[in-house]
Structure formats: structure tokens, C-alpha cells
């Protein structure tokens, strides 16, 4: 017990404990903030990977559309309902199920 009391009376020990408590709970870069920053970083990295994949896919589609006229025609017909002058386009919409 006397050893514990001597340890508590030691000014270096007290300063170290106060410093550690301050850094863990009260500082701007405390443990809770670091945890939130890590979560945010992981989320942003996932978004970055998603957008890189989307960019690669779109660039591949663009390259295909610029080189192949049949794919360009198919894309125009499907996405923008384009047609030739002597054709009719029928759009069929299925009823939504609730």
C-alpha cells in the first residue's frame, strides 16, 4: 500500500497519467476522432474504387461505341429511342407492382 501511495505522490507519474488521459479523451486528435477518421477514410476509399471502376467501364463503352457502328446504332436505339425514317418505335412499359 505504501508503494502505491509513493507512486501516486511521484510528480512524474502524475504528469504522465494526466498527459495520457488528456491525449486519449480531450485532445483534438483523441482516440474517438481517430476512429471516426479511419471510418471516413475507408468509406472514401470505397467510393474512389467505385468511381475508378465506373470510369474504366465508361471509357471501354466509349471506345466500343467510337469504333463499332452497329453498337453505336444499338446504343442510340436503346437509350434514346432513336429510329430510322421508315421505322416506328413502340415503347412497352410494364405496370409497377406494389
Protein backbone atom coordinates (compact mmCIF):
# COMPACT_ATOMS: atom_id res chain seq x y z
CA UNK A 1 0.00 0.00 0.00
CA UNK A 2 2.86 2.34 0.84
CA UNK A 3 4.39 1.65 -2.55
CA UNK A 4 1.12 2.65 -4.27
CA UNK A 5 0.93 5.89 -2.27
CA UNK A 6 4.53 6.69 -3.15
CA UNK A 7 3.73 6.06 -6.80
CA UNK A 8 0.77 8.44 -6.67
CA UNK A 9 2.88 11.11 -4.95
CA UNK A 10 5.52 10.86 -7.68
CA UNK A 11 5.15 14.02 -9.79
CA UNK A 12 6.50 12.35 -12.95
CA UNK A 13 3.95 9.59 -12.69
CA UNK A 14 1.12 12.09 -12.14
CA UNK A 15 2.19 14.22 -15.09
CA UNK A 16 2.41 11.13 -17.30
CA UNK A 17 -1.05 9.94 -16.26
CA UNK A 18 -2.54 13.39 -16.82
CA UNK A 19 -0.85 13.61 -20.21
CA UNK A 20 -2.14 10.19 -21.29
CA UNK A 21 -5.69 10.97 -20.12
CA UNK A 22 -5.57 14.33 -21.91
CA UNK A 23 -4.36 12.74 -25.16
CA UNK A 24 -6.94 9.94 -25.04
CA UNK A 25 -10.04 11.95 -24.18
CA UNK A 26 -9.61 15.73 -24.53
CA UNK A 27 -7.21 16.45 -27.37
CA UNK A 28 -8.37 17.33 -30.90
CA UNK A 29 -6.78 14.11 -32.11
CA UNK A 30 -8.20 11.84 -29.43
CA UNK A 31 -8.92 8.16 -29.95
CA UNK A 32 -12.59 8.67 -30.83
CA UNK A 33 -11.74 11.22 -33.52
CA UNK A 34 -9.08 8.91 -34.94
CA UNK A 35 -11.63 6.10 -35.13
CA UNK A 36 -14.08 8.33 -37.00
CA UNK A 37 -11.33 9.49 -39.36
CA UNK A 38 -10.43 5.89 -40.14
CA UNK A 39 -14.06 5.04 -40.89
CA UNK A 40 -14.38 8.08 -43.13
CA UNK A 41 -11.14 7.16 -44.90
CA UNK A 42 -12.39 3.62 -45.56
CA UNK A 43 -15.65 4.99 -46.95
CA UNK A 44 -13.82 7.42 -49.22
CA UNK A 45 -11.50 4.68 -50.46
CA UNK A 46 -14.53 2.55 -51.36
CA UNK A 47 -16.04 5.48 -53.24
CA UNK A 48 -12.72 6.06 -55.02
CA UNK A 49 -12.58 2.42 -56.12
CA UNK A 50 -16.19 2.55 -57.30
CA UNK A 51 -15.61 5.68 -59.37
CA UNK A 52 -12.40 4.27 -60.86
CA UNK A 53 -14.28 1.15 -61.93
CA UNK A 54 -17.12 3.24 -63.37
CA UNK A 55 -14.65 5.43 -65.27
CA UNK A 56 -12.94 2.36 -66.72
CA UNK A 57 -16.29 0.88 -67.76
CA UNK A 58 -17.43 4.12 -69.38
CA UNK A 59 -14.13 4.54 -71.22
CA UNK A 60 -14.43 0.97 -72.51
CA UNK A 61 -18.00 1.61 -73.67
CA UNK A 62 -16.92 4.85 -75.33
CA UNK A 63 -14.11 3.08 -77.17
CA UNK A 64 -16.52 0.41 -78.38
CA UNK A 65 -19.09 2.97 -79.49
CA UNK A 66 -16.50 5.03 -81.36
CA UNK A 67 -15.19 2.06 -83.34
CA UNK A 68 -18.25 -0.13 -84.00
CA UNK A 69 -21.18 1.42 -85.90
CA UNK A 70 -23.57 -1.42 -85.06
CA UNK A 71 -23.02 -0.94 -81.32
CA UNK A 72 -23.47 2.81 -81.72
CA UNK A 73 -26.77 2.24 -83.53
CA UNK A 74 -27.92 -0.24 -80.86
CA UNK A 75 -26.96 2.21 -78.10
CA UNK A 76 -28.91 5.04 -79.75
CA UNK A 77 -31.96 2.87 -80.23
CA UNK A 78 -31.99 1.51 -76.66
CA UNK A 79 -31.07 4.59 -74.66
CA UNK A 80 -32.54 7.44 -76.69
CA UNK A 81 -35.27 5.66 -78.68
CA UNK A 82 -33.75 6.81 -81.98
CA UNK A 83 -35.09 5.35 -85.18
CA UNK A 84 -34.64 5.42 -88.90
CA UNK A 85 -37.04 7.48 -91.02
CA UNK A 86 -39.11 4.50 -92.19
CA UNK A 87 -39.43 2.82 -88.76
CA UNK A 88 -41.89 3.05 -85.91
CA UNK A 89 -40.84 2.69 -82.28
CA UNK A 90 -43.10 1.12 -79.68
CA UNK A 91 -42.23 1.57 -76.01
CA UNK A 92 -43.72 -1.07 -73.75
CA UNK A 93 -43.89 -0.24 -70.05
CA UNK A 94 -44.76 -2.95 -67.61
CA UNK A 95 -47.06 -2.00 -64.72
CA UNK A 96 -45.29 -1.50 -61.43
CA UNK A 97 -46.00 -3.99 -58.69
CA UNK A 98 -46.56 -2.51 -55.23
